[in-house]
Amino acid sequence: MAGDDKLDELCDLFNQIVNQYGKFEKEVHAFGADIPLHLSDTHTIVAIGKHSNINIVNLSRLQGISRSAASQMVSKLVKRGFVKKEISPKTDNEIILTLTETGKNIYDTHEKQHQQLKAKLAEIFEKYPAGTLDTLMKIGTDLISIWETASKQ
């Protein structure tokens, strides 16, 4: 069937996108000559920077990773001097996460890079009909539910 061929092509394209992103994610990105970080490190710093006084539980939910993985990532970033753990001003039994000055600098640099990427994406989406981005968001949400269901089987 012709539709099957197109669906196969789309699956191949999706795999290529995932593989390219995976390759990019594994590369070390430099934030200054002495600050090499993996993308997962950077995204954790950005999540903490965007959500003031976030805790490990909320960080893990936000990033879609286990609490254990979030805790390990935070511990690594604390040791490297990018993140601080502090007692919450709201309750004595909660630890919140904040950025150090070095972490804030990385956050700011990443945000500038992110703005450049968004500008490139905006150029691409200008070529397509209005609503394309909304459609892609809906498709992405549907794809996530497929993968979540498949991983539970």
Protein backbone atom coordinates (compact mmCIF):
# COMPACT_ATOMS: atom_id res chain seq x y z
CA MET A 1 0.00 0.00 0.00
CA ALA A 2 1.28 3.52 -0.82
CA GLY A 3 0.41 4.76 2.67
CA ASP A 4 2.54 2.02 4.22
CA ASP A 5 5.54 3.22 2.21
CA LYS A 6 5.07 6.77 3.48
CA LEU A 7 4.67 5.52 7.03
CA ASP A 8 7.87 3.50 6.67
CA GLU A 9 9.66 6.61 5.37
CA LEU A 10 8.34 8.63 8.31
CA CYS A 11 9.53 5.98 10.78
CA ASP A 12 12.97 6.02 9.14
CA LEU A 13 13.07 9.82 9.36
CA PHE A 14 11.99 9.70 13.00
CA ASN A 15 14.79 7.21 13.75
CA GLN A 16 17.30 9.49 12.04
CA ILE A 17 16.15 12.45 14.13
CA VAL A 18 16.35 10.43 17.34
CA ASN A 19 19.82 9.13 16.44
CA GLN A 20 21.11 12.61 15.56
CA TYR A 21 19.79 14.01 18.82
CA GLY A 22 21.27 11.07 20.74
CA LYS A 23 24.65 11.75 19.16
CA PHE A 24 24.36 15.46 20.01
CA GLU A 25 23.33 14.62 23.58
CA LYS A 26 26.42 12.45 24.15
CA GLU A 27 28.84 15.13 22.95
CA VAL A 28 30.56 17.35 25.47
CA HIS A 29 29.63 21.01 25.11
CA ALA A 30 32.00 23.70 26.33
CA PHE A 31 30.81 26.62 28.42
CA GLY A 32 34.12 28.39 28.57
CA ALA A 33 37.45 26.62 28.20
CA ASP A 34 37.26 24.86 31.56
CA ILE A 35 33.58 23.91 31.78
CA PRO A 36 32.76 20.84 29.66
CA LEU A 37 29.22 19.55 30.14
CA HIS A 38 27.01 16.91 28.59
CA LEU A 39 23.61 18.08 27.37
CA SER A 40 21.86 16.24 30.21
CA ASP A 41 23.98 18.21 32.73
CA THR A 42 23.13 21.46 30.99
CA HIS A 43 19.41 20.68 30.85
CA THR A 44 19.42 19.90 34.57
CA ILE A 45 21.09 23.25 35.28
CA VAL A 46 18.53 24.99 33.06
CA ALA A 47 15.60 23.23 34.78
CA ILE A 48 16.89 24.34 38.18
CA GLY A 49 17.49 27.87 36.88
CA LYS A 50 13.98 28.15 35.44
CA HIS A 51 12.21 26.72 38.50
CA SER A 52 13.39 28.49 41.59
CA ASN A 53 13.48 26.42 44.78
CA ILE A 54 12.75 23.16 42.94
CA ASN A 55 13.29 19.90 44.83
CA ILE A 56 14.53 16.53 43.55
CA VAL A 57 11.02 15.06 43.24
CA ASN A 58 9.77 17.93 41.08
CA LEU A 59 13.00 17.99 39.07
CA SER A 60 12.64 14.28 38.27
CA ARG A 61 9.02 14.80 37.17
CA LEU A 62 9.94 17.82 35.06
CA GLN A 63 12.71 15.93 33.28
CA GLY A 64 10.83 12.65 33.00
CA ILE A 65 13.54 10.69 34.83
CA SER A 66 13.61 8.65 38.03
CA ARG A 67 14.25 10.29 41.39
CA SER A 68 17.42 8.26 41.64
CA ALA A 69 18.70 9.55 38.28
CA ALA A 70 17.82 13.13 39.23
CA SER A 71 19.53 12.74 42.59
CA GLN A 72 22.69 11.35 40.98
CA MET A 73 22.76 14.16 38.43
CA VAL A 74 22.29 16.81 41.12
CA SER A 75 25.02 15.27 43.31
CA LYS A 76 27.41 15.41 40.37
CA LEU A 77 26.51 19.04 39.66
CA VAL A 78 26.88 19.97 43.35
CA LYS A 79 30.37 18.42 43.40
CA ARG A 80 31.31 20.37 40.28
CA GLY A 81 30.10 23.63 41.81
CA PHE A 82 27.10 24.36 39.58
CA VAL A 83 24.25 23.63 42.00
CA LYS A 84 23.64 24.17 45.71
CA LYS A 85 21.37 22.20 48.03
CA GLU A 86 19.65 24.31 50.66
CA ILE A 87 16.97 23.85 53.30
CA SER A 88 13.64 25.11 52.05
CA PRO A 89 12.43 28.41 53.50
CA LYS A 90 8.97 26.80 53.71
CA THR A 91 9.80 23.67 55.68
CA ASP A 92 12.86 22.30 57.46
CA ASN A 93 12.55 18.79 56.04
CA GLU A 94 12.74 19.71 52.35
CA ILE A 95 15.90 20.34 50.34
CA ILE A 96 15.67 22.79 47.46
CA LEU A 97 18.07 23.30 44.59
CA THR A 98 19.54 26.59 43.43
CA LEU A 99 22.31 27.56 41.05
CA THR A 100 25.73 28.83 42.06
CA GLU A 101 27.18 31.82 40.19
CA THR A 102 28.92 29.41 37.81
CA GLY A 103 25.62 27.57 37.31
CA LYS A 104 23.87 30.89 36.60
CA ASN A 105 26.51 31.75 33.99
CA ILE A 106 25.94 28.41 32.26
CA TYR A 107 22.19 28.98 32.43
CA ASP A 108 22.56 32.42 30.83
CA THR A 109 24.87 31.12 28.10
CA HIS A 110 22.51 28.24 27.34
CA GLU A 111 19.54 30.60 27.16
CA LYS A 112 21.38 32.73 24.55
CA GLN A 113 22.12 29.58 22.54
CA HIS A 114 18.51 28.48 22.94
CA GLN A 115 17.26 31.82 21.58
CA GLN A 116 19.47 31.34 18.50
CA LEU A 117 18.09 27.82 18.00
CA LYS A 118 14.51 29.09 18.38
CA ALA A 119 15.18 31.74 15.73
CA LYS A 120 16.39 29.02 13.33
CA LEU A 121 13.31 26.92 14.09
CA ALA A 122 11.05 29.94 13.54
CA GLU A 123 12.61 30.39 10.09
CA ILE A 124 11.83 26.78 9.24
CA PHE A 125 8.22 26.99 10.47
CA GLU A 126 7.58 30.19 8.50
CA LYS A 127 7.66 28.00 5.37
CA TYR A 128 4.65 25.98 6.54
CA PRO A 129 0.96 26.77 7.00
CA ALA A 130 -0.25 28.35 10.23
CA GLY A 131 -1.10 25.66 12.76
CA THR A 132 1.74 23.34 11.74
CA LEU A 133 3.47 23.80 15.07
CA ASP A 134 0.25 23.01 16.96
CA THR A 135 -0.19 19.87 14.86
CA LEU A 136 3.39 18.77 15.57
CA MET A 137 2.83 19.32 19.30
CA LYS A 138 -0.27 17.11 19.20
CA ILE A 139 1.58 14.44 17.23
CA GLY A 140 4.48 14.59 19.71
CA THR A 141 2.10 14.12 22.63
CA ASP A 142 0.47 11.15 20.90
CA LEU A 143 3.88 9.60 20.16
CA ILE A 144 4.93 9.94 23.80
CA SER A 145 1.82 8.05 24.89
CA ILE A 146 2.62 5.28 22.38
CA TRP A 147 6.17 4.90 23.77
CA GLU A 148 4.94 5.00 27.38
CA THR A 149 2.42 2.27 26.62
CA ALA A 150 4.95 0.19 24.68
CA SER A 151 7.53 0.39 27.47
CA LYS A 152 5.00 -1.01 29.99
CA GLN A 153 4.30 -4.12 27.91
